[in-house]
Amino acid sequence: MTAVHVLAATAAVCLCLEIVDSRYEGFRFRAADNIADNSSAARLVLGGRLVDPRAVDLAEIGVVFSADGALVATAAGAAVEGHPAAAVAWLVRHLARTGEELRAGDIVISGGLTAPVDLRPGTVVHVEAGRLGELACYGEEAA
């Protein structure tokens, strides 16, 4: 399984924001702990523009990330294993070793391009990513 295989099997890609909320105090944990129990996933915000992954070079997509109007970070798709599809190929190979697989229709996140940003109630975050469009959301009080 390679990035080429992943791109061939992917119906569409879109911009997304992963809202992280770790159950570990101060985000102090080992990466293996976090991956093993999915301890930091809280929400996922998907962009509304679906793009054919073969119509754009995902490694070269530029991302501009801001919070409350201030620039927080910039990145490119290559920040994830050199190419987002390479990260997904790794996931597919890992799942295969454990007898699992991705299924048609699964939503897969290739990995974060920037470091997380503290999202406090009222904070507005905005992401622009070239042909993938843009996306904004704001922090709310926990329910």
N, C-alpha and C. Protein backbone atom coordinates (compact mmCIF):
# COMPACT_ATOMS: atom_id res chain seq x y z
N MET A 1 0.85 -1.18 0.00
CA MET A 1 0.00 0.00 0.00
C MET A 1 0.88 1.23 0.00
N THR A 2 0.68 2.08 -0.99
CA THR A 2 1.47 3.31 -1.12
C THR A 2 0.53 4.50 -1.24
N ALA A 3 1.11 5.69 -1.24
CA ALA A 3 0.31 6.90 -1.42
C ALA A 3 -0.45 6.87 -2.75
N VAL A 4 0.15 6.31 -3.77
CA VAL A 4 -0.52 6.20 -5.08
C VAL A 4 -1.77 5.34 -4.95
N HIS A 5 -1.68 4.22 -4.23
CA HIS A 5 -2.85 3.36 -4.02
C HIS A 5 -3.94 4.10 -3.25
N VAL A 6 -3.53 4.85 -2.23
CA VAL A 6 -4.50 5.60 -1.42
C VAL A 6 -5.23 6.62 -2.28
N LEU A 7 -4.49 7.36 -3.09
CA LEU A 7 -5.13 8.36 -3.96
C LEU A 7 -6.10 7.72 -4.93
N ALA A 8 -5.74 6.57 -5.45
CA ALA A 8 -6.62 5.87 -6.40
C ALA A 8 -7.90 5.39 -5.72
N ALA A 9 -7.84 5.09 -4.44
CA ALA A 9 -9.00 4.56 -3.71
C ALA A 9 -9.80 5.65 -2.99
N THR A 10 -9.36 6.89 -3.06
CA THR A 10 -10.01 7.97 -2.34
C THR A 10 -10.99 8.70 -3.25
N ALA A 11 -12.25 8.77 -2.79
CA ALA A 11 -13.29 9.43 -3.58
C ALA A 11 -13.14 10.94 -3.58
N ALA A 12 -12.82 11.51 -2.43
CA ALA A 12 -12.70 12.96 -2.32
C ALA A 12 -11.92 13.31 -1.07
N VAL A 13 -11.35 14.51 -1.08
CA VAL A 13 -10.69 15.05 0.10
C VAL A 13 -11.34 16.39 0.43
N CYS A 14 -11.23 16.78 1.69
CA CYS A 14 -11.73 18.09 2.09
C CYS A 14 -10.90 18.61 3.25
N LEU A 15 -10.99 19.87 3.47
CA LEU A 15 -10.35 20.51 4.60
C LEU A 15 -11.06 20.09 5.88
N CYS A 16 -10.33 19.94 6.96
CA CYS A 16 -10.98 19.64 8.23
C CYS A 16 -10.20 20.24 9.38
N LEU A 17 -10.89 20.40 10.49
CA LEU A 17 -10.29 20.83 11.74
C LEU A 17 -10.59 19.75 12.77
N GLU A 18 -9.56 19.30 13.44
CA GLU A 18 -9.75 18.35 14.54
C GLU A 18 -9.70 19.14 15.83
N ILE A 19 -10.75 19.03 16.62
CA ILE A 19 -10.80 19.69 17.92
C ILE A 19 -10.29 18.68 18.94
N VAL A 20 -9.18 19.01 19.57
CA VAL A 20 -8.52 18.10 20.50
C VAL A 20 -8.91 18.49 21.93
N ASP A 21 -9.22 17.50 22.74
CA ASP A 21 -9.53 17.72 24.15
C ASP A 21 -9.00 16.53 24.93
N SER A 22 -7.76 16.63 25.36
CA SER A 22 -7.11 15.51 26.01
C SER A 22 -7.66 15.26 27.40
N ARG A 23 -7.79 14.00 27.74
CA ARG A 23 -8.17 13.66 29.11
C ARG A 23 -6.95 13.60 30.01
N TYR A 24 -5.76 13.79 29.44
CA TYR A 24 -4.53 13.82 30.22
C TYR A 24 -4.28 15.25 30.69
N GLU A 25 -3.99 15.41 31.96
CA GLU A 25 -3.71 16.72 32.55
C GLU A 25 -2.53 17.38 31.83
N GLY A 26 -2.74 18.61 31.35
CA GLY A 26 -1.66 19.35 30.72
C GLY A 26 -1.13 18.72 29.44
N PHE A 27 -1.91 17.85 28.81
CA PHE A 27 -1.50 17.15 27.58
C PHE A 27 -0.20 16.39 27.78
N ARG A 28 0.01 15.85 28.97
CA ARG A 28 1.23 15.08 29.24
C ARG A 28 0.93 13.60 29.06
N PHE A 29 1.36 13.07 27.95
CA PHE A 29 1.18 11.65 27.65
C PHE A 29 2.20 11.25 26.60
N ARG A 30 2.39 9.94 26.48
CA ARG A 30 3.26 9.43 25.42
C ARG A 30 2.43 9.29 24.15
N ALA A 31 3.06 9.47 23.01
CA ALA A 31 2.34 9.37 21.74
C ALA A 31 1.63 8.03 21.62
N ALA A 32 2.28 6.95 22.05
CA ALA A 32 1.68 5.63 21.95
C ALA A 32 0.40 5.53 22.79
N ASP A 33 0.38 6.18 23.96
CA ASP A 33 -0.83 6.18 24.79
C ASP A 33 -1.97 6.88 24.08
N ASN A 34 -1.66 8.00 23.48
CA ASN A 34 -2.68 8.79 22.80
C ASN A 34 -3.25 8.04 21.60
N ILE A 35 -2.39 7.42 20.83
CA ILE A 35 -2.84 6.67 19.65
C ILE A 35 -3.64 5.45 20.08
N ALA A 36 -3.18 4.78 21.12
CA ALA A 36 -3.81 3.54 21.55
C ALA A 36 -5.24 3.72 22.03
N ASP A 37 -5.52 4.81 22.73
CA ASP A 37 -6.88 4.93 23.27
C ASP A 37 -7.63 6.15 22.75
N ASN A 38 -7.11 6.79 21.71
CA ASN A 38 -7.80 7.91 21.08
C ASN A 38 -8.23 8.92 22.14
N SER A 39 -7.34 9.21 23.06
CA SER A 39 -7.68 10.00 24.23
C SER A 39 -7.88 11.49 23.98
N SER A 40 -7.55 11.96 22.81
CA SER A 40 -7.60 13.40 22.58
C SER A 40 -8.64 13.84 21.56
N ALA A 41 -9.37 12.93 20.98
CA ALA A 41 -10.37 13.30 19.98
C ALA A 41 -11.61 13.87 20.65
N ALA A 42 -12.05 15.03 20.19
CA ALA A 42 -13.26 15.64 20.75
C ALA A 42 -14.29 15.91 19.65
N ARG A 43 -13.87 16.61 18.62
CA ARG A 43 -14.78 16.97 17.53
C ARG A 43 -14.01 16.98 16.22
N LEU A 44 -14.77 16.91 15.14
CA LEU A 44 -14.21 17.03 13.81
C LEU A 44 -15.11 17.95 13.01
N VAL A 45 -14.53 18.97 12.40
CA VAL A 45 -15.26 19.91 11.57
C VAL A 45 -14.79 19.71 10.14
N LEU A 46 -15.72 19.33 9.27
CA LEU A 46 -15.37 19.07 7.87
C LEU A 46 -15.75 20.25 7.00
N GLY A 47 -14.88 20.58 6.06
CA GLY A 47 -15.18 21.63 5.10
C GLY A 47 -16.23 21.16 4.11
N GLY A 48 -16.87 22.09 3.47
CA GLY A 48 -17.95 21.77 2.55
C GLY A 48 -17.53 21.51 1.12
N ARG A 49 -16.28 21.74 0.78
CA ARG A 49 -15.81 21.54 -0.59
C ARG A 49 -15.12 20.20 -0.71
N LEU A 50 -15.69 19.30 -1.51
CA LEU A 50 -15.08 18.00 -1.78
C LEU A 50 -14.28 18.12 -3.07
N VAL A 51 -13.04 17.66 -3.01
CA VAL A 51 -12.11 17.81 -4.14
C VAL A 51 -11.59 16.44 -4.54
N ASP A 52 -11.49 16.20 -5.83
CA ASP A 52 -10.89 14.96 -6.33
C ASP A 52 -9.40 14.99 -5.96
N PRO A 53 -8.91 14.01 -5.21
CA PRO A 53 -7.52 14.05 -4.75
C PRO A 53 -6.49 13.96 -5.87
N ARG A 54 -6.90 13.54 -7.05
CA ARG A 54 -5.98 13.45 -8.17
C ARG A 54 -5.91 14.78 -8.93
N ALA A 55 -6.78 15.73 -8.57
CA ALA A 55 -6.84 17.01 -9.28
C ALA A 55 -5.99 18.09 -8.60
N VAL A 56 -5.35 17.74 -7.49
CA VAL A 56 -4.56 18.73 -6.75
C VAL A 56 -3.37 18.01 -6.10
N ASP A 57 -2.25 18.71 -5.99
CA ASP A 57 -1.09 18.13 -5.32
C ASP A 57 -1.24 18.39 -3.83
N LEU A 58 -1.70 17.41 -3.08
CA LEU A 58 -1.98 17.58 -1.66
C LEU A 58 -0.73 17.91 -0.85
N ALA A 59 0.42 17.48 -1.30
CA ALA A 59 1.66 17.80 -0.58
C ALA A 59 1.98 19.29 -0.67
N GLU A 60 1.54 19.93 -1.73
CA GLU A 60 1.87 21.34 -1.94
C GLU A 60 0.77 22.31 -1.53
N ILE A 61 -0.36 21.78 -1.06
CA ILE A 61 -1.44 22.66 -0.60
C ILE A 61 -0.93 23.48 0.57
N GLY A 62 -1.04 24.79 0.47
CA GLY A 62 -0.63 25.67 1.56
C GLY A 62 -1.79 25.92 2.51
N VAL A 63 -1.48 25.97 3.79
CA VAL A 63 -2.50 26.17 4.82
C VAL A 63 -2.12 27.41 5.65
N VAL A 64 -3.11 28.27 5.86
CA VAL A 64 -2.94 29.44 6.73
C VAL A 64 -3.95 29.29 7.85
N PHE A 65 -3.46 29.28 9.09
CA PHE A 65 -4.28 29.02 10.26
C PHE A 65 -4.23 30.24 11.17
N SER A 66 -5.41 30.79 11.50
CA SER A 66 -5.45 31.96 12.37
C SER A 66 -6.45 31.74 13.50
N ALA A 67 -6.26 32.48 14.58
CA ALA A 67 -7.18 32.45 15.72
C ALA A 67 -7.46 33.88 16.11
N ASP A 68 -8.74 34.22 16.20
CA ASP A 68 -9.17 35.58 16.54
C ASP A 68 -8.48 36.62 15.65
N GLY A 69 -8.32 36.29 14.37
CA GLY A 69 -7.76 37.21 13.40
C GLY A 69 -6.24 37.29 13.36
N ALA A 70 -5.56 36.61 14.27
CA ALA A 70 -4.10 36.65 14.30
C ALA A 70 -3.52 35.37 13.70
N LEU A 71 -2.51 35.53 12.86
CA LEU A 71 -1.86 34.37 12.25
C LEU A 71 -1.25 33.48 13.34
N VAL A 72 -1.57 32.19 13.29
CA VAL A 72 -1.04 31.24 14.26
C VAL A 72 0.04 30.38 13.61
N ALA A 73 -0.24 29.88 12.40
CA ALA A 73 0.70 28.98 11.74
C ALA A 73 0.41 28.91 10.26
N THR A 74 1.45 28.55 9.52
CA THR A 74 1.30 28.20 8.12
C THR A 74 1.93 26.82 7.95
N ALA A 75 1.48 26.10 6.96
CA ALA A 75 2.02 24.77 6.71
C ALA A 75 1.69 24.37 5.29
N ALA A 76 2.20 23.22 4.92
CA ALA A 76 1.87 22.60 3.63
C ALA A 76 1.49 21.16 3.89
N GLY A 77 0.77 20.57 2.96
CA GLY A 77 0.37 19.17 3.10
C GLY A 77 1.53 18.24 3.34
N ALA A 78 2.70 18.60 2.86
CA ALA A 78 3.89 17.76 3.04
C ALA A 78 4.30 17.62 4.50
N ALA A 79 3.71 18.42 5.40
CA ALA A 79 4.03 18.33 6.82
C ALA A 79 3.62 16.99 7.42
N VAL A 80 2.78 16.26 6.71
CA VAL A 80 2.32 14.95 7.19
C VAL A 80 3.01 13.86 6.36
N GLU A 81 4.06 13.29 6.91
CA GLU A 81 4.76 12.17 6.27
C GLU A 81 5.20 12.46 4.83
N GLY A 82 5.37 13.74 4.50
CA GLY A 82 5.78 14.12 3.14
C GLY A 82 4.61 14.25 2.18
N HIS A 83 3.49 13.62 2.50
CA HIS A 83 2.28 13.69 1.68
C HIS A 83 1.15 13.09 2.50
N PRO A 84 -0.01 13.75 2.55
CA PRO A 84 -1.11 13.20 3.34
C PRO A 84 -1.48 11.75 2.97
N ALA A 85 -1.40 11.41 1.70
CA ALA A 85 -1.73 10.04 1.29
C ALA A 85 -0.71 9.03 1.81
N ALA A 86 0.54 9.46 2.03
CA ALA A 86 1.55 8.56 2.61
C ALA A 86 1.18 8.22 4.04
N ALA A 87 0.65 9.19 4.78
CA ALA A 87 0.22 8.93 6.15
C ALA A 87 -0.95 7.95 6.18
N VAL A 88 -1.87 8.10 5.26
CA VAL A 88 -3.01 7.17 5.19
C VAL A 88 -2.53 5.78 4.76
N ALA A 89 -1.57 5.71 3.87
CA ALA A 89 -1.01 4.41 3.47
C ALA A 89 -0.39 3.71 4.67
N TRP A 90 0.32 4.46 5.52
CA TRP A 90 0.87 3.89 6.75
C TRP A 90 -0.25 3.31 7.60
N LEU A 91 -1.34 4.08 7.75
CA LEU A 91 -2.48 3.61 8.54
C LEU A 91 -3.05 2.31 7.98
N VAL A 92 -3.23 2.25 6.68
CA VAL A 92 -3.77 1.04 6.05
C VAL A 92 -2.86 -0.16 6.31
N ARG A 93 -1.56 0.03 6.18
CA ARG A 93 -0.62 -1.07 6.45
C ARG A 93 -0.68 -1.49 7.91
N HIS A 94 -0.76 -0.54 8.81
CA HIS A 94 -0.85 -0.85 10.24
C HIS A 94 -2.15 -1.62 10.55
N LEU A 95 -3.25 -1.18 10.00
CA LEU A 95 -4.52 -1.86 10.22
C LEU A 95 -4.48 -3.28 9.67
N ALA A 96 -3.86 -3.45 8.51
CA ALA A 96 -3.77 -4.78 7.90
C ALA A 96 -3.02 -5.76 8.80
N ARG A 97 -1.99 -5.27 9.49
CA ARG A 97 -1.23 -6.14 10.40
C ARG A 97 -2.09 -6.63 11.56
N THR A 98 -3.12 -5.86 11.91
CA THR A 98 -3.99 -6.25 13.02
C THR A 98 -5.30 -6.88 12.54
N GLY A 99 -5.39 -7.12 11.24
CA GLY A 99 -6.59 -7.75 10.68
C GLY A 99 -7.75 -6.79 10.46
N GLU A 100 -7.48 -5.50 10.50
CA GLU A 100 -8.52 -4.50 10.28
C GLU A 100 -8.30 -3.81 8.94
N GLU A 101 -9.29 -3.04 8.53
CA GLU A 101 -9.18 -2.32 7.27
C GLU A 101 -10.09 -1.11 7.25
N LEU A 102 -9.81 -0.20 6.34
CA LEU A 102 -10.71 0.90 6.09
C LEU A 102 -11.80 0.41 5.16
N ARG A 103 -12.99 0.99 5.31
CA ARG A 103 -14.11 0.60 4.46
C ARG A 103 -14.54 1.78 3.60
N ALA A 104 -15.19 1.49 2.50
CA ALA A 104 -15.71 2.55 1.63
C ALA A 104 -16.60 3.46 2.48
N GLY A 105 -16.40 4.75 2.32
CA GLY A 105 -17.19 5.72 3.07
C GLY A 105 -16.56 6.18 4.37
N ASP A 106 -15.50 5.51 4.83
CA ASP A 106 -14.84 5.94 6.07
C ASP A 106 -14.25 7.33 5.88
N ILE A 107 -14.34 8.14 6.93
CA ILE A 107 -13.68 9.44 6.94
C ILE A 107 -12.34 9.23 7.65
N VAL A 108 -11.27 9.62 6.99
CA VAL A 108 -9.92 9.42 7.53
C VAL A 108 -9.21 10.76 7.58
N ILE A 109 -8.61 11.04 8.72
CA ILE A 109 -7.80 12.25 8.86
C ILE A 109 -6.35 11.84 8.65
N SER A 110 -5.65 12.55 7.77
CA SER A 110 -4.27 12.18 7.46
C SER A 110 -3.29 12.61 8.55
N GLY A 111 -3.69 13.54 9.38
CA GLY A 111 -2.82 14.03 10.44
C GLY A 111 -2.78 15.54 10.44
N GLY A 112 -2.49 16.12 11.59
CA GLY A 112 -2.46 17.57 11.71
C GLY A 112 -1.27 18.18 11.01
N LEU A 113 -1.48 19.30 10.37
CA LEU A 113 -0.40 20.01 9.69
C LEU A 113 0.29 21.02 10.60
N THR A 114 -0.42 21.45 11.64
CA THR A 114 0.14 22.43 12.57
C THR A 114 0.02 21.90 13.99
N ALA A 115 0.71 22.54 14.89
CA ALA A 115 0.56 22.21 16.30
C ALA A 115 -0.83 22.65 16.76
N PRO A 116 -1.35 22.04 17.81
CA PRO A 116 -2.66 22.45 18.30
C PRO A 116 -2.63 23.87 18.87
N VAL A 117 -3.78 24.49 18.84
CA VAL A 117 -3.96 25.84 19.37
C VAL A 117 -4.97 25.75 20.50
N ASP A 118 -4.72 26.46 21.57
CA ASP A 118 -5.64 26.48 22.70
C ASP A 118 -6.95 27.12 22.24
N LEU A 119 -8.02 26.38 22.30
CA LEU A 119 -9.33 26.86 21.86
C LEU A 119 -10.17 27.12 23.10
N ARG A 120 -10.32 28.36 23.44
CA ARG A 120 -11.10 28.75 24.61
C ARG A 120 -12.48 29.21 24.16
N PRO A 121 -13.45 29.21 25.07
CA PRO A 121 -14.79 29.69 24.68
C PRO A 121 -14.70 31.06 24.01
N GLY A 122 -15.33 31.15 22.85
CA GLY A 122 -15.35 32.40 22.10
C GLY A 122 -14.24 32.56 21.09
N THR A 123 -13.19 31.75 21.16
CA THR A 123 -12.10 31.82 20.19
C THR A 123 -12.61 31.42 18.81
N VAL A 124 -12.29 32.22 17.81
CA VAL A 124 -12.67 31.90 16.43
C VAL A 124 -11.41 31.48 15.69
N VAL A 125 -11.42 30.29 15.12
CA VAL A 125 -10.29 29.83 14.32
C VAL A 125 -10.71 29.79 12.86
N HIS A 126 -9.77 30.07 12.00
CA HIS A 126 -10.03 30.12 10.56
C HIS A 126 -8.87 29.46 9.85
N VAL A 127 -9.18 28.61 8.88
CA VAL A 127 -8.17 27.92 8.10
C VAL A 127 -8.47 28.13 6.63
N GLU A 128 -7.44 28.48 5.87
CA GLU A 128 -7.53 28.57 4.41
C GLU A 128 -6.56 27.56 3.83
N ALA A 129 -7.01 26.84 2.81
CA ALA A 129 -6.15 25.81 2.23
C ALA A 129 -6.34 25.73 0.71
N GLY A 130 -6.01 26.78 0.03
CA GLY A 130 -6.03 26.77 -1.43
C GLY A 130 -7.30 26.20 -2.02
N ARG A 131 -7.16 25.23 -2.92
CA ARG A 131 -8.31 24.64 -3.62
C ARG A 131 -9.23 23.85 -2.70
N LEU A 132 -8.78 23.55 -1.48
CA LEU A 132 -9.66 22.86 -0.53
C LEU A 132 -10.62 23.83 0.14
N GLY A 133 -10.40 25.12 -0.03
CA GLY A 133 -11.33 26.11 0.51
C GLY A 133 -10.92 26.63 1.87
N GLU A 134 -11.90 27.07 2.62
CA GLU A 134 -11.64 27.60 3.94
C GLU A 134 -12.70 27.12 4.92
N LEU A 135 -12.37 27.26 6.18
CA LEU A 135 -13.22 26.71 7.23
C LEU A 135 -13.02 27.55 8.48
N ALA A 136 -14.09 27.79 9.22
CA ALA A 136 -13.99 28.53 10.48
C ALA A 136 -14.87 27.86 11.51
N CYS A 137 -14.46 27.99 12.77
CA CYS A 137 -15.31 27.53 13.88
C CYS A 137 -14.91 28.30 15.12
N TYR A 138 -15.73 28.17 16.15
CA TYR A 138 -15.43 28.89 17.39
C TYR A 138 -15.58 27.97 18.57
N GLY A 139 -14.85 28.28 19.62
CA GLY A 139 -14.88 27.48 20.83
C GLY A 139 -16.13 27.76 21.63
N GLU A 140 -16.71 26.71 22.17
CA GLU A 140 -17.90 26.82 23.02
C GLU A 140 -17.59 26.25 24.39
N GLU A 141 -18.46 26.53 25.33
CA GLU A 141 -18.37 25.89 26.64
C GLU A 141 -18.70 24.42 26.47
N ALA A 142 -18.04 23.58 27.23
CA ALA A 142 -18.33 22.14 27.19
C ALA A 142 -19.73 21.89 27.71
N ALA A 143 -20.40 20.93 27.09
CA ALA A 143 -21.79 20.60 27.49
C ALA A 143 -21.81 19.78 28.75
